[in-house]
Amino acid sequence: KLQKSFAFMKMYVMVKLMYSAGLRVSELVS
């Protein structure tokens, strides 16, 4: 989140979403 690029913003959301919902990585990316 502290980084300024959109790529890091996307990772911020992906990590939080995966952790908060217990998703498999294949479920998350698709």
PDB file of all heavy atoms in Angstrom:
ATOM      1  N   LYS A   1       0.824  -1.215   0.000  1.00  0.00           N
ATOM      2  CA  LYS A   1       0.000   0.000   0.000  1.00  0.00           C
ATOM      3  C   LYS A   1       0.857   1.264   0.000  1.00  0.00           C
ATOM      4  O   LYS A   1       0.470   2.304  -0.556  1.00  0.00           O
ATOM      5  CB  LYS A   1      -0.937   0.005   1.210  1.00  0.00           C
ATOM      6  CG  LYS A   1      -1.974   1.129   1.157  1.00  0.00           C
ATOM      7  CD  LYS A   1      -2.959   1.043   2.304  1.00  0.00           C
ATOM      8  CE  LYS A   1      -4.059   2.100   2.147  1.00  0.00           C
ATOM      9  NZ  LYS A   1      -5.030   2.037   3.256  1.00  0.00           N
ATOM     10  N   LEU A   2       2.022   1.194   0.633  1.00  0.00           N
ATOM     11  CA  LEU A   2       2.887   2.364   0.737  1.00  0.00           C
ATOM     12  C   LEU A   2       3.546   2.739  -0.591  1.00  0.00           C
ATOM     13  O   LEU A   2       4.043   3.854  -0.753  1.00  0.00           O
ATOM     14  CB  LEU A   2       3.967   2.121   1.799  1.00  0.00           C
ATOM     15  CG  LEU A   2       3.464   2.049   3.250  1.00  0.00           C
ATOM     16  CD1 LEU A   2       4.590   1.656   4.183  1.00  0.00           C
ATOM     17  CD2 LEU A   2       2.840   3.374   3.670  1.00  0.00           C
ATOM     18  N   GLN A   3       3.579   1.789  -1.527  1.00  0.00           N
ATOM     19  CA  GLN A   3       4.170   2.065  -2.839  1.00  0.00           C
ATOM     20  C   GLN A   3       3.176   2.853  -3.689  1.00  0.00           C
ATOM     21  O   GLN A   3       1.965   2.808  -3.475  1.00  0.00           O
ATOM     22  CB  GLN A   3       4.547   0.762  -3.540  1.00  0.00           C
ATOM     23  CG  GLN A   3       5.329  -0.213  -2.683  1.00  0.00           C
ATOM     24  CD  GLN A   3       6.537   0.394  -1.999  1.00  0.00           C
ATOM     25  OE1 GLN A   3       7.352   1.037  -2.643  1.00  0.00           O
ATOM     26  NE2 GLN A   3       6.661   0.184  -0.693  1.00  0.00           N
ATOM     27  N   LYS A   4       3.687   3.550  -4.682  1.00  0.00           N
ATOM     28  CA  LYS A   4       2.833   4.462  -5.456  1.00  0.00           C
ATOM     29  C   LYS A   4       2.363   3.896  -6.796  1.00  0.00           C
ATOM     30  O   LYS A   4       1.521   4.503  -7.449  1.00  0.00           O
ATOM     31  CB  LYS A   4       3.574   5.783  -5.682  1.00  0.00           C
ATOM     32  CG  LYS A   4       3.817   6.551  -4.384  1.00  0.00           C
ATOM     33  CD  LYS A   4       4.485   7.893  -4.651  1.00  0.00           C
ATOM     34  CE  LYS A   4       4.684   8.664  -3.349  1.00  0.00           C
ATOM     35  NZ  LYS A   4       5.340   9.975  -3.572  1.00  0.00           N
ATOM     36  N   SER A   5       2.887   2.755  -7.210  1.00  0.00           N
ATOM     37  CA  SER A   5       2.510   2.231  -8.526  1.00  0.00           C
ATOM     38  C   SER A   5       1.203   1.444  -8.471  1.00  0.00           C
ATOM     39  O   SER A   5       0.823   0.908  -7.429  1.00  0.00           O
ATOM     40  CB  SER A   5       3.618   1.339  -9.084  1.00  0.00           C
ATOM     41  OG  SER A   5       3.654   0.106  -8.399  1.00  0.00           O
ATOM     42  N   PHE A   6       0.526   1.352  -9.614  1.00  0.00           N
ATOM     43  CA  PHE A   6      -0.732   0.621  -9.698  1.00  0.00           C
ATOM     44  C   PHE A   6      -0.513  -0.878  -9.473  1.00  0.00           C
ATOM     45  O   PHE A   6      -1.369  -1.561  -8.906  1.00  0.00           O
ATOM     46  CB  PHE A   6      -1.378   0.845 -11.069  1.00  0.00           C
ATOM     47  CG  PHE A   6      -2.622   0.027 -11.278  1.00  0.00           C
ATOM     48  CD1 PHE A   6      -3.779   0.290 -10.558  1.00  0.00           C
ATOM     49  CD2 PHE A   6      -2.634  -1.023 -12.185  1.00  0.00           C
ATOM     50  CE1 PHE A   6      -4.924  -0.468 -10.728  1.00  0.00           C
ATOM     51  CE2 PHE A   6      -3.775  -1.792 -12.373  1.00  0.00           C
ATOM     52  CZ  PHE A   6      -4.923  -1.507 -11.641  1.00  0.00           C
ATOM     53  N   ALA A   7       0.647  -1.397  -9.918  1.00  0.00           N
ATOM     54  CA  ALA A   7       0.957  -2.819  -9.743  1.00  0.00           C
ATOM     55  C   ALA A   7       0.965  -3.196  -8.264  1.00  0.00           C
ATOM     56  O   ALA A   7       0.461  -4.252  -7.866  1.00  0.00           O
ATOM     57  CB  ALA A   7       2.305  -3.154 -10.377  1.00  0.00           C
ATOM     58  N   PHE A   8       1.520  -2.319  -7.436  1.00  0.00           N
ATOM     59  CA  PHE A   8       1.542  -2.581  -5.995  1.00  0.00           C
ATOM     60  C   PHE A   8       0.150  -2.426  -5.391  1.00  0.00           C
ATOM     61  O   PHE A   8      -0.212  -3.139  -4.452  1.00  0.00           O
ATOM     62  CB  PHE A   8       2.529  -1.650  -5.289  1.00  0.00           C
ATOM     63  CG  PHE A   8       3.955  -2.107  -5.366  1.00  0.00           C
ATOM     64  CD1 PHE A   8       4.861  -1.466  -6.196  1.00  0.00           C
ATOM     65  CD2 PHE A   8       4.402  -3.181  -4.620  1.00  0.00           C
ATOM     66  CE1 PHE A   8       6.175  -1.883  -6.283  1.00  0.00           C
ATOM     67  CE2 PHE A   8       5.718  -3.617  -4.681  1.00  0.00           C
ATOM     68  CZ  PHE A   8       6.607  -2.965  -5.519  1.00  0.00           C
ATOM     69  N   MET A   9      -0.620  -1.500  -5.921  1.00  0.00           N
ATOM     70  CA  MET A   9      -1.994  -1.327  -5.446  1.00  0.00           C
ATOM     71  C   MET A   9      -2.794  -2.602  -5.707  1.00  0.00           C
ATOM     72  O   MET A   9      -3.585  -3.047  -4.858  1.00  0.00           O
ATOM     73  CB  MET A   9      -2.654  -0.142  -6.154  1.00  0.00           C
ATOM     74  CG  MET A   9      -4.067   0.136  -5.661  1.00  0.00           C
ATOM     75  SD  MET A   9      -4.879   1.449  -6.606  1.00  0.00           S
ATOM     76  CE  MET A   9      -6.324   1.748  -5.580  1.00  0.00           C
ATOM     77  N   LYS A  10      -2.592  -3.179  -6.876  1.00  0.00           N
ATOM     78  CA  LYS A  10      -3.282  -4.422  -7.229  1.00  0.00           C
ATOM     79  C   LYS A  10      -2.873  -5.540  -6.273  1.00  0.00           C
ATOM     80  O   LYS A  10      -3.716  -6.286  -5.778  1.00  0.00           O
ATOM     81  CB  LYS A  10      -2.948  -4.827  -8.669  1.00  0.00           C
ATOM     82  CG  LYS A  10      -3.663  -6.081  -9.137  1.00  0.00           C
ATOM     83  CD  LYS A  10      -3.119  -6.595 -10.467  1.00  0.00           C
ATOM     84  CE  LYS A  10      -3.540  -5.724 -11.607  1.00  0.00           C
ATOM     85  NZ  LYS A  10      -3.134  -6.292 -12.925  1.00  0.00           N
ATOM     86  N   MET A  11      -1.563  -5.636  -5.966  1.00  0.00           N
ATOM     87  CA  MET A  11      -1.091  -6.673  -5.041  1.00  0.00           C
ATOM     88  C   MET A  11      -1.640  -6.446  -3.636  1.00  0.00           C
ATOM     89  O   MET A  11      -1.958  -7.411  -2.930  1.00  0.00           O
ATOM     90  CB  MET A  11       0.435  -6.696  -5.016  1.00  0.00           C
ATOM     91  CG  MET A  11       1.060  -7.492  -6.145  1.00  0.00           C
ATOM     92  SD  MET A  11       0.541  -9.232  -6.167  1.00  0.00           S
ATOM     93  CE  MET A  11       1.218  -9.828  -4.603  1.00  0.00           C
ATOM     94  N   TYR A  12      -1.748  -5.183  -3.238  1.00  0.00           N
ATOM     95  CA  TYR A  12      -2.306  -4.865  -1.922  1.00  0.00           C
ATOM     96  C   TYR A  12      -3.715  -5.446  -1.792  1.00  0.00           C
ATOM     97  O   TYR A  12      -4.050  -6.106  -0.799  1.00  0.00           O
ATOM     98  CB  TYR A  12      -2.339  -3.341  -1.732  1.00  0.00           C
ATOM     99  CG  TYR A  12      -3.207  -2.864  -0.593  1.00  0.00           C
ATOM    100  CD1 TYR A  12      -2.815  -3.037   0.729  1.00  0.00           C
ATOM    101  CD2 TYR A  12      -4.425  -2.226  -0.845  1.00  0.00           C
ATOM    102  CE1 TYR A  12      -3.611  -2.588   1.784  1.00  0.00           C
ATOM    103  CE2 TYR A  12      -5.225  -1.774   0.193  1.00  0.00           C
ATOM    104  CZ  TYR A  12      -4.816  -1.956   1.505  1.00  0.00           C
ATOM    105  OH  TYR A  12      -5.611  -1.527   2.545  1.00  0.00           O
ATOM    106  N   VAL A  13      -4.539  -5.222  -2.798  1.00  0.00           N
ATOM    107  CA  VAL A  13      -5.915  -5.715  -2.786  1.00  0.00           C
ATOM    108  C   VAL A  13      -5.949  -7.236  -2.872  1.00  0.00           C
ATOM    109  O   VAL A  13      -6.725  -7.894  -2.153  1.00  0.00           O
ATOM    110  CB  VAL A  13      -6.727  -5.093  -3.941  1.00  0.00           C
ATOM    111  CG1 VAL A  13      -8.127  -5.701  -3.999  1.00  0.00           C
ATOM    112  CG2 VAL A  13      -6.831  -3.588  -3.766  1.00  0.00           C
ATOM    113  N   MET A  14      -5.097  -7.821  -3.703  1.00  0.00           N
ATOM    114  CA  MET A  14      -5.088  -9.275  -3.878  1.00  0.00           C
ATOM    115  C   MET A  14      -4.691 -10.000  -2.581  1.00  0.00           C
ATOM    116  O   MET A  14      -5.309 -10.993  -2.201  1.00  0.00           O
ATOM    117  CB  MET A  14      -4.155  -9.678  -5.017  1.00  0.00           C
ATOM    118  CG  MET A  14      -4.647  -9.244  -6.395  1.00  0.00           C
ATOM    119  SD  MET A  14      -3.557  -9.760  -7.751  1.00  0.00           S
ATOM    120  CE  MET A  14      -4.093 -11.479  -7.950  1.00  0.00           C
ATOM    121  N   VAL A  15      -3.656  -9.477  -1.924  1.00  0.00           N
ATOM    122  CA  VAL A  15      -3.201 -10.103  -0.668  1.00  0.00           C
ATOM    123  C   VAL A  15      -4.275  -9.995   0.408  1.00  0.00           C
ATOM    124  O   VAL A  15      -4.590 -10.974   1.094  1.00  0.00           O
ATOM    125  CB  VAL A  15      -1.880  -9.459  -0.176  1.00  0.00           C
ATOM    126  CG1 VAL A  15      -1.530  -9.967   1.235  1.00  0.00           C
ATOM    127  CG2 VAL A  15      -0.740  -9.783  -1.139  1.00  0.00           C
ATOM    128  N   LYS A  16      -4.873  -8.816   0.562  1.00  0.00           N
ATOM    129  CA  LYS A  16      -5.912  -8.627   1.576  1.00  0.00           C
ATOM    130  C   LYS A  16      -7.133  -9.497   1.289  1.00  0.00           C
ATOM    131  O   LYS A  16      -7.720 -10.092   2.195  1.00  0.00           O
ATOM    132  CB  LYS A  16      -6.327  -7.156   1.649  1.00  0.00           C
ATOM    133  CG  LYS A  16      -5.399  -6.301   2.478  1.00  0.00           C
ATOM    134  CD  LYS A  16      -5.987  -4.934   2.786  1.00  0.00           C
ATOM    135  CE  LYS A  16      -6.992  -4.965   3.902  1.00  0.00           C
ATOM    136  NZ  LYS A  16      -7.404  -3.609   4.340  1.00  0.00           N
ATOM    137  N   LEU A  17      -7.512  -9.572   0.018  1.00  0.00           N
ATOM    138  CA  LEU A  17      -8.679 -10.363  -0.355  1.00  0.00           C
ATOM    139  C   LEU A  17      -8.440 -11.843  -0.122  1.00  0.00           C
ATOM    140  O   LEU A  17      -9.296 -12.547   0.430  1.00  0.00           O
ATOM    141  CB  LEU A  17      -9.020 -10.107  -1.832  1.00  0.00           C
ATOM    142  CG  LEU A  17     -10.216 -10.880  -2.409  1.00  0.00           C
ATOM    143  CD1 LEU A  17     -11.473 -10.610  -1.598  1.00  0.00           C
ATOM    144  CD2 LEU A  17     -10.435 -10.505  -3.871  1.00  0.00           C
ATOM    145  N   MET A  18      -7.259 -12.322  -0.506  1.00  0.00           N
ATOM    146  CA  MET A  18      -6.946 -13.740  -0.328  1.00  0.00           C
ATOM    147  C   MET A  18      -6.921 -14.111   1.160  1.00  0.00           C
ATOM    148  O   MET A  18      -7.435 -15.153   1.567  1.00  0.00           O
ATOM    149  CB  MET A  18      -5.598 -14.062  -0.966  1.00  0.00           C
ATOM    150  CG  MET A  18      -5.280 -15.548  -1.003  1.00  0.00           C
ATOM    151  SD  MET A  18      -3.756 -15.876  -1.910  1.00  0.00           S
ATOM    152  CE  MET A  18      -3.808 -17.669  -1.962  1.00  0.00           C
ATOM    153  N   TYR A  19      -6.327 -13.229   1.964  1.00  0.00           N
ATOM    154  CA  TYR A  19      -6.226 -13.486   3.395  1.00  0.00           C
ATOM    155  C   TYR A  19      -7.575 -13.373   4.097  1.00  0.00           C
ATOM    156  O   TYR A  19      -7.889 -14.136   5.001  1.00  0.00           O
ATOM    157  CB  TYR A  19      -5.234 -12.502   4.019  1.00  0.00           C
ATOM    158  CG  TYR A  19      -5.092 -12.616   5.522  1.00  0.00           C
ATOM    159  CD1 TYR A  19      -4.682 -13.803   6.124  1.00  0.00           C
ATOM    160  CD2 TYR A  19      -5.361 -11.524   6.347  1.00  0.00           C
ATOM    161  CE1 TYR A  19      -4.546 -13.902   7.501  1.00  0.00           C
ATOM    162  CE2 TYR A  19      -5.229 -11.615   7.722  1.00  0.00           C
ATOM    163  CZ  TYR A  19      -4.827 -12.807   8.297  1.00  0.00           C
ATOM    164  OH  TYR A  19      -4.701 -12.912   9.666  1.00  0.00           O
ATOM    165  N   SER A  20      -8.392 -12.423   3.671  1.00  0.00           N
ATOM    166  CA  SER A  20      -9.674 -12.205   4.352  1.00  0.00           C
ATOM    167  C   SER A  20     -10.732 -13.232   3.970  1.00  0.00           C
ATOM    168  O   SER A  20     -11.688 -13.444   4.708  1.00  0.00           O
ATOM    169  CB  SER A  20     -10.207 -10.805   4.041  1.00  0.00           C
ATOM    170  OG  SER A  20     -10.548 -10.698   2.668  1.00  0.00           O
ATOM    171  N   ALA A  21     -10.556 -13.891   2.802  1.00  0.00           N
ATOM    172  CA  ALA A  21     -11.568 -14.855   2.351  1.00  0.00           C
ATOM    173  C   ALA A  21     -11.044 -16.284   2.266  1.00  0.00           C
ATOM    174  O   ALA A  21     -11.804 -17.198   1.966  1.00  0.00           O
ATOM    175  CB  ALA A  21     -12.111 -14.423   0.985  1.00  0.00           C
ATOM    176  N   GLY A  22      -9.749 -16.504   2.528  1.00  0.00           N
ATOM    177  CA  GLY A  22      -9.195 -17.860   2.500  1.00  0.00           C
ATOM    178  C   GLY A  22      -9.220 -18.492   1.122  1.00  0.00           C
ATOM    179  O   GLY A  22      -9.406 -19.695   0.986  1.00  0.00           O
ATOM    180  N   LEU A  23      -9.005 -17.691   0.089  1.00  0.00           N
ATOM    181  CA  LEU A  23      -9.084 -18.199  -1.280  1.00  0.00           C
ATOM    182  C   LEU A  23      -7.858 -19.006  -1.673  1.00  0.00           C
ATOM    183  O   LEU A  23      -6.758 -18.763  -1.177  1.00  0.00           O
ATOM    184  CB  LEU A  23      -9.243 -17.034  -2.273  1.00  0.00           C
ATOM    185  CG  LEU A  23     -10.394 -16.063  -2.052  1.00  0.00           C
ATOM    186  CD1 LEU A  23     -10.381 -15.004  -3.143  1.00  0.00           C
ATOM    187  CD2 LEU A  23     -11.719 -16.787  -2.026  1.00  0.00           C
ATOM    188  N   ARG A  24      -8.053 -19.964  -2.567  1.00  0.00           N
ATOM    189  CA  ARG A  24      -6.931 -20.624  -3.230  1.00  0.00           C
ATOM    190  C   ARG A  24      -6.374 -19.615  -4.226  1.00  0.00           C
ATOM    191  O   ARG A  24      -7.096 -18.775  -4.748  1.00  0.00           O
ATOM    192  CB  ARG A  24      -7.375 -21.881  -3.959  1.00  0.00           C
ATOM    193  CG  ARG A  24      -7.949 -22.969  -3.059  1.00  0.00           C
ATOM    194  CD  ARG A  24      -8.359 -24.184  -3.889  1.00  0.00           C
ATOM    195  NE  ARG A  24      -8.862 -25.276  -3.045  1.00  0.00           N
ATOM    196  CZ  ARG A  24     -10.142 -25.475  -2.764  1.00  0.00           C
ATOM    197  NH1 ARG A  24     -11.068 -24.656  -3.271  1.00  0.00           N
ATOM    198  NH2 ARG A  24     -10.520 -26.486  -1.997  1.00  0.00           N
ATOM    199  N   VAL A  25      -5.086 -19.737  -4.544  1.00  0.00           N
ATOM    200  CA  VAL A  25      -4.485 -18.773  -5.463  1.00  0.00           C
ATOM    201  C   VAL A  25      -5.134 -18.848  -6.842  1.00  0.00           C
ATOM    202  O   VAL A  25      -5.329 -17.824  -7.505  1.00  0.00           O
ATOM    203  CB  VAL A  25      -2.950 -18.974  -5.551  1.00  0.00           C
ATOM    204  CG1 VAL A  25      -2.585 -20.335  -6.137  1.00  0.00           C
ATOM    205  CG2 VAL A  25      -2.312 -17.865  -6.385  1.00  0.00           C
ATOM    206  N   SER A  26      -5.511 -20.055  -7.266  1.00  0.00           N
ATOM    207  CA  SER A  26      -6.163 -20.204  -8.574  1.00  0.00           C
ATOM    208  C   SER A  26      -7.526 -19.512  -8.582  1.00  0.00           C
ATOM    209  O   SER A  26      -7.954 -18.964  -9.601  1.00  0.00           O
ATOM    210  CB  SER A  26      -6.331 -21.681  -8.921  1.00  0.00           C
ATOM    211  OG  SER A  26      -7.058 -22.362  -7.919  1.00  0.00           O
ATOM    212  N   GLU A  27      -8.215 -19.522  -7.427  1.00  0.00           N
ATOM    213  CA  GLU A  27      -9.512 -18.862  -7.304  1.00  0.00           C
ATOM    214  C   GLU A  27      -9.348 -17.344  -7.308  1.00  0.00           C
ATOM    215  O   GLU A  27     -10.162 -16.619  -7.881  1.00  0.00           O
ATOM    216  CB  GLU A  27     -10.217 -19.313  -6.023  1.00  0.00           C
ATOM    217  CG  GLU A  27     -10.551 -20.793  -5.999  1.00  0.00           C
ATOM    218  CD  GLU A  27     -10.963 -21.306  -4.622  1.00  0.00           C
ATOM    219  OE1 GLU A  27     -10.763 -20.565  -3.619  1.00  0.00           O
ATOM    220  OE2 GLU A  27     -11.476 -22.434  -4.537  1.00  0.00           O
ATOM    221  N   LEU A  28      -8.280 -16.882  -6.666  1.00  0.00           N
ATOM    222  CA  LEU A  28      -8.030 -15.444  -6.562  1.00  0.00           C
ATOM    223  C   LEU A  28      -7.732 -14.822  -7.921  1.00  0.00           C
ATOM    224  O   LEU A  28      -8.378 -13.847  -8.324  1.00  0.00           O
ATOM    225  CB  LEU A  28      -6.856 -15.188  -5.617  1.00  0.00           C
ATOM    226  CG  LEU A  28      -6.370 -13.742  -5.529  1.00  0.00           C
ATOM    227  CD1 LEU A  28      -7.367 -12.898  -4.744  1.00  0.00           C
ATOM    228  CD2 LEU A  28      -4.989 -13.676  -4.886  1.00  0.00           C
ATOM    229  N   VAL A  29      -6.756 -15.386  -8.639  1.00  0.00           N
ATOM    230  CA  VAL A  29      -6.314 -14.757  -9.887  1.00  0.00           C
ATOM    231  C   VAL A  29      -7.382 -14.819 -10.977  1.00  0.00           C
ATOM    232  O   VAL A  29      -7.417 -13.962 -11.865  1.00  0.00           O
ATOM    233  CB  VAL A  29      -4.995 -15.393 -10.404  1.00  0.00           C
ATOM    234  CG1 VAL A  29      -3.871 -15.166  -9.403  1.00  0.00           C
ATOM    235  CG2 VAL A  29      -5.155 -16.875 -10.708  1.00  0.00           C
ATOM    236  N   SER A  30      -8.252 -15.818 -10.910  1.00  0.00           N
ATOM    237  CA  SER A  30      -9.266 -15.975 -11.966  1.00  0.00           C
ATOM    238  C   SER A  30     -10.655 -15.495 -11.542  1.00  0.00           C
ATOM    239  O   SER A  30     -11.659 -15.904 -12.117  1.00  0.00           O
ATOM    240  CB  SER A  30      -9.347 -17.447 -12.390  1.00  0.00           C
ATOM    241  OG  SER A  30      -9.757 -18.263 -11.305  1.00  0.00           O
TER     242      SER A  30
END
